Amino acid sequence: MSEYKDKRCTDQGRSAAVEVLSGAMADGQLTLTEFDERSGKAHAATQRSELVDLLDDLVDEPAGLLFGAGAGTAVAHRAPSDVEWAAHQASDAQRHREMVLARSRSLVTGGGSETGFSLAIFGGVTKAAWQVPKTHWNFNIFGGSDFDLRECRFSDPVTTLWLNSCFGGADVLVPEGVRVDMGGLGIFGGNELVVENGAIHPNSLPEDAPLLLIRGLSIFGGVTVKVVRG
């Protein structure tokens, strides 16, 4: 490993290290927290040895994998063909899906309450980075509520949000890896599911992924659920 210590690493080397870390998380070698920590160090690395140290307990011969003979030379010599580029994109998409599914399994921690309640009247309610109860009741009257579930933990594999609005509404941000079932009744209102460009559609997730049920009544109001990539 010492032969790399006096050489500064390149962006190509940093990206290659992050790809290895992503695969390690998908395989269960790293937790989401460990992946975030190591990928941050990889992006900030200045020496090749720093990248090697980050992978040393994950793969055999990390130095050879990152900087060995032929590593990255094909890209330097010629542009990839259409077939190679399509395969690369498919590989990235599969790797991203595996990473999302690995992370989704850690979202359900249990231990939370059975029910929760929130009310917005001529005002608003914001909930983020919280332990979501199995069932949460929300009422909006001439007001609105924002639910950010990207940094939350679920108390149960199946979570129900009862979002009821009269001249108001609710917005829900959902991370990839969570299935979404939109329901409820709208009177001069309704519900909408928006999937961010590039995000995995919740309908394509396996049955063991966490499930979010959206229910409630909207009168001159509505609910927008947005699935966010990342």
Protein backbone atom coordinates (compact mmCIF):
# COMPACT_ATOMS: atom_id res chain seq x y z
CA MET A 1 0.00 0.00 0.00
CA SER A 2 2.98 2.31 0.57
CA GLU A 3 3.57 2.74 -3.17
CA TYR A 4 0.34 4.78 -3.34
CA LYS A 5 0.91 7.02 -0.33
CA ASP A 6 2.97 9.65 -2.14
CA LYS A 7 0.55 9.92 -5.07
CA ARG A 8 -2.46 12.19 -5.10
CA CYS A 9 -5.75 10.59 -6.11
CA THR A 10 -7.95 11.64 -9.02
CA ASP A 11 -11.70 12.18 -9.35
CA GLN A 12 -11.84 8.88 -11.24
CA GLY A 13 -10.26 7.10 -8.30
CA ARG A 14 -12.63 8.76 -5.83
CA SER A 15 -15.68 7.78 -7.92
CA ALA A 16 -14.43 4.20 -8.23
CA ALA A 17 -14.05 3.97 -4.45
CA VAL A 18 -17.60 5.28 -3.88
CA GLU A 19 -18.94 2.67 -6.31
CA VAL A 20 -17.24 -0.09 -4.32
CA LEU A 21 -18.70 1.33 -1.08
CA SER A 22 -22.16 1.44 -2.64
CA GLY A 23 -21.93 -2.20 -3.63
CA ALA A 24 -20.71 -3.08 -0.13
CA MET A 25 -23.76 -1.43 1.41
CA ALA A 26 -26.09 -3.26 -0.98
CA ASP A 27 -24.41 -6.54 0.06
CA GLY A 28 -24.89 -5.76 3.75
CA GLN A 29 -21.22 -5.08 4.54
CA LEU A 30 -21.93 -1.47 5.48
CA THR A 31 -24.84 0.25 7.17
CA LEU A 32 -26.30 3.43 5.68
CA THR A 33 -24.49 5.50 8.31
CA GLU A 34 -21.17 3.80 7.58
CA PHE A 35 -21.67 4.26 3.83
CA ASP A 36 -22.41 7.98 4.27
CA GLU A 37 -19.31 8.40 6.45
CA ARG A 38 -16.94 6.51 4.16
CA SER A 39 -18.26 7.98 0.90
CA GLY A 40 -17.80 11.46 2.37
CA LYS A 41 -14.19 10.63 3.21
CA ALA A 42 -13.70 9.22 -0.29
CA HIS A 43 -14.91 12.43 -1.94
CA ALA A 44 -12.60 14.45 0.34
CA ALA A 45 -9.54 12.19 -0.10
CA THR A 46 -6.32 13.68 -1.45
CA GLN A 47 -4.01 10.62 -1.26
CA ARG A 48 -4.50 7.27 -2.94
CA SER A 49 -3.75 5.54 0.36
CA GLU A 50 -6.82 7.18 1.92
CA LEU A 51 -9.06 5.46 -0.64
CA VAL A 52 -7.31 2.13 -0.13
CA ASP A 53 -7.80 2.35 3.65
CA LEU A 54 -11.56 2.93 3.17
CA LEU A 55 -11.90 -0.33 1.22
CA ASP A 56 -9.33 -2.46 3.01
CA ASP A 57 -11.85 -4.42 5.12
CA LEU A 58 -14.36 -4.82 2.27
CA VAL A 59 -12.52 -6.23 -0.76
CA ASP A 60 -9.34 -8.13 -1.56
CA GLU A 61 -6.51 -6.05 -3.00
CA PRO A 62 -8.30 -2.68 -2.98
CA ALA A 63 -5.21 -0.93 -4.34
CA GLY A 64 -5.12 -3.16 -7.39
CA LEU A 65 -8.87 -2.75 -7.87
CA LEU A 66 -8.61 1.04 -7.90
CA PHE A 67 -5.20 1.67 -9.43
CA GLY A 68 -3.98 -1.64 -10.84
CA ALA A 69 -2.88 -2.24 -14.41
CA GLY A 70 -5.70 -1.42 -16.80
CA ALA A 71 -7.90 0.26 -14.19
CA GLY A 72 -9.84 2.97 -16.02
CA THR A 73 -7.57 2.90 -19.07
CA ALA A 74 -10.32 1.86 -21.48
CA VAL A 75 -12.23 5.02 -20.71
CA ALA A 76 -9.12 7.12 -21.21
CA HIS A 77 -8.33 5.59 -24.63
CA ARG A 78 -11.75 5.78 -26.28
CA ALA A 79 -15.34 6.81 -25.75
CA PRO A 80 -17.69 3.96 -24.78
CA SER A 81 -19.93 2.47 -27.44
CA ASP A 82 -23.70 2.81 -27.30
CA VAL A 83 -23.99 -0.75 -26.04
CA GLU A 84 -21.36 -0.18 -23.34
CA TRP A 85 -23.00 3.08 -22.29
CA ALA A 86 -26.42 1.40 -22.05
CA ALA A 87 -24.92 -1.40 -19.99
CA HIS A 88 -23.22 1.15 -17.73
CA GLN A 89 -26.51 2.99 -17.17
CA ALA A 90 -28.32 -0.28 -16.47
CA SER A 91 -25.61 -1.22 -13.99
CA ASP A 92 -25.89 2.14 -12.25
CA ALA A 93 -29.69 1.81 -12.07
CA GLN A 94 -29.44 -1.69 -10.61
CA ARG A 95 -26.82 -0.61 -8.10
CA HIS A 96 -28.99 2.35 -7.08
CA ARG A 97 -32.01 0.08 -6.66
CA GLU A 98 -30.03 -2.35 -4.51
CA MET A 99 -28.79 0.52 -2.35
CA VAL A 100 -32.35 1.88 -1.92
CA LEU A 101 -33.73 -1.54 -0.98
CA ALA A 102 -30.91 -2.09 1.52
CA ARG A 103 -31.65 1.26 3.12
CA SER A 104 -35.42 0.68 3.19
CA ARG A 105 -34.98 -2.35 5.43
CA SER A 106 -33.52 -0.12 8.12
CA LEU A 107 -36.42 2.36 8.08
CA VAL A 108 -38.70 0.20 10.27
CA THR A 109 -37.27 0.24 13.78
CA GLY A 110 -40.36 -0.41 15.89
CA GLY A 111 -40.72 0.99 19.36
CA GLY A 112 -42.91 3.96 18.43
CA SER A 113 -46.45 4.79 19.50
CA GLU A 114 -49.58 3.25 18.01
CA THR A 115 -51.27 6.56 17.14
CA GLY A 116 -50.43 10.23 16.66
CA PHE A 117 -52.38 13.43 16.09
CA SER A 118 -51.77 16.86 14.53
CA LEU A 119 -54.06 19.82 13.81
CA ALA A 120 -53.65 22.95 11.68
CA ILE A 121 -56.29 25.72 11.87
CA PHE A 122 -55.48 28.95 10.02
CA GLY A 123 -51.86 27.90 10.21
CA GLY A 124 -49.51 25.03 9.51
CA VAL A 125 -47.86 21.96 10.96
CA THR A 126 -44.43 20.63 9.98
CA LYS A 127 -43.14 17.23 11.01
CA ALA A 128 -39.68 15.94 10.04
CA ALA A 129 -37.04 13.52 11.34
CA TRP A 130 -39.56 11.87 13.64
CA GLN A 131 -40.60 8.42 14.77
CA VAL A 132 -43.76 7.89 12.76
CA PRO A 133 -46.49 6.07 14.70
CA LYS A 134 -48.37 3.17 13.19
CA THR A 135 -51.35 5.47 12.57
CA HIS A 136 -51.30 9.28 12.47
CA TRP A 137 -54.42 11.48 12.31
CA ASN A 138 -54.02 14.93 10.76
CA PHE A 139 -56.67 17.63 10.32
CA ASN A 140 -56.27 20.84 8.31
CA ILE A 141 -58.92 23.58 8.44
CA PHE A 142 -57.96 26.66 6.47
CA GLY A 143 -54.41 25.50 7.03
CA GLY A 144 -51.84 23.03 5.84
CA SER A 145 -49.37 20.42 7.01
CA ASP A 146 -45.98 19.27 5.73
CA PHE A 147 -44.72 15.77 6.48
CA ASP A 148 -41.08 15.07 5.61
CA LEU A 149 -40.45 11.34 5.96
CA ARG A 150 -36.97 11.31 4.44
CA GLU A 151 -35.15 11.18 7.79
CA CYS A 152 -37.87 9.45 9.78
CA ARG A 153 -38.13 5.96 11.22
CA PHE A 154 -41.32 3.89 11.05
CA SER A 155 -42.84 2.15 14.06
CA ASP A 156 -44.50 -0.53 11.93
CA PRO A 157 -44.00 -2.02 8.43
CA VAL A 158 -47.44 -0.62 7.52
CA THR A 159 -48.06 3.05 8.34
CA THR A 160 -51.35 4.89 7.82
CA LEU A 161 -51.59 8.67 7.51
CA TRP A 162 -55.17 9.91 7.82
CA LEU A 163 -54.95 13.35 6.17
CA ASN A 164 -58.23 15.26 6.42
CA SER A 165 -58.57 18.76 4.99
CA CYS A 166 -61.23 21.43 4.59
CA PHE A 167 -59.98 24.44 2.62
CA GLY A 168 -56.48 23.21 3.28
CA GLY A 169 -54.15 20.38 2.44
CA ALA A 170 -51.08 18.34 3.19
CA ASP A 171 -47.76 17.68 1.44
CA VAL A 172 -45.83 14.49 2.13
CA LEU A 173 -42.20 13.86 1.10
CA VAL A 174 -41.42 10.15 0.93
CA PRO A 175 -37.96 8.58 0.46
CA GLU A 176 -37.33 5.95 -2.17
CA GLY A 177 -37.85 2.44 -0.92
CA VAL A 178 -41.29 3.02 0.61
CA ARG A 179 -44.40 1.68 -1.11
CA VAL A 180 -47.30 4.14 -1.33
CA ASP A 181 -51.02 3.32 -1.49
CA MET A 182 -53.14 6.39 -2.26
CA GLY A 183 -56.74 6.33 -1.05
CA GLY A 184 -59.37 8.57 0.50
CA LEU A 185 -62.25 10.70 -0.74
CA GLY A 186 -62.04 14.09 -2.42
CA ILE A 187 -64.91 16.59 -2.71
CA PHE A 188 -63.74 19.47 -4.89
CA GLY A 189 -60.30 18.18 -4.09
CA GLY A 190 -58.17 15.07 -4.29
CA ASN A 191 -54.87 13.32 -3.88
CA GLU A 192 -51.82 13.26 -6.17
CA LEU A 193 -48.74 11.03 -6.25
CA VAL A 194 -45.63 12.58 -7.80
CA VAL A 195 -42.46 10.55 -8.43
CA GLU A 196 -39.33 12.64 -8.86
CA ASN A 197 -37.43 12.11 -12.10
CA GLY A 198 -35.04 9.19 -11.67
CA ALA A 199 -36.63 7.96 -8.45
CA ILE A 200 -37.80 4.36 -8.12
CA HIS A 201 -41.59 4.18 -8.48
CA PRO A 202 -43.15 2.84 -5.28
CA ASN A 203 -45.33 0.41 -7.26
CA SER A 204 -42.19 -1.43 -8.44
CA LEU A 205 -40.93 -2.23 -4.93
CA PRO A 206 -41.07 -5.73 -3.37
CA GLU A 207 -43.74 -6.64 -0.84
CA ASP A 208 -41.31 -6.60 2.07
CA ALA A 209 -40.64 -2.87 1.60
CA PRO A 210 -42.33 -0.51 4.11
CA LEU A 211 -45.88 0.45 3.10
CA LEU A 212 -47.41 3.92 3.52
CA LEU A 213 -51.21 4.14 3.31
CA ILE A 214 -52.64 7.58 2.52
CA ARG A 215 -56.25 7.92 3.62
CA GLY A 216 -58.66 10.69 4.53
CA LEU A 217 -61.21 13.23 3.33
CA SER A 218 -60.41 16.37 1.33
CA ILE A 219 -63.03 19.10 0.88
CA PHE A 220 -61.80 22.00 -1.23
CA GLY A 221 -58.32 20.73 -0.53
CA GLY A 222 -56.01 17.85 -1.23
CA VAL A 223 -52.91 15.82 -0.54
CA THR A 224 -49.71 15.71 -2.59
CA VAL A 225 -47.30 12.85 -1.98
CA LYS A 226 -43.86 13.21 -3.61
CA VAL A 227 -41.35 10.37 -3.80
CA VAL A 228 -37.86 11.89 -3.64
CA ARG A 229 -34.72 10.33 -5.10
CA GLY A 230 -31.72 9.83 -2.88
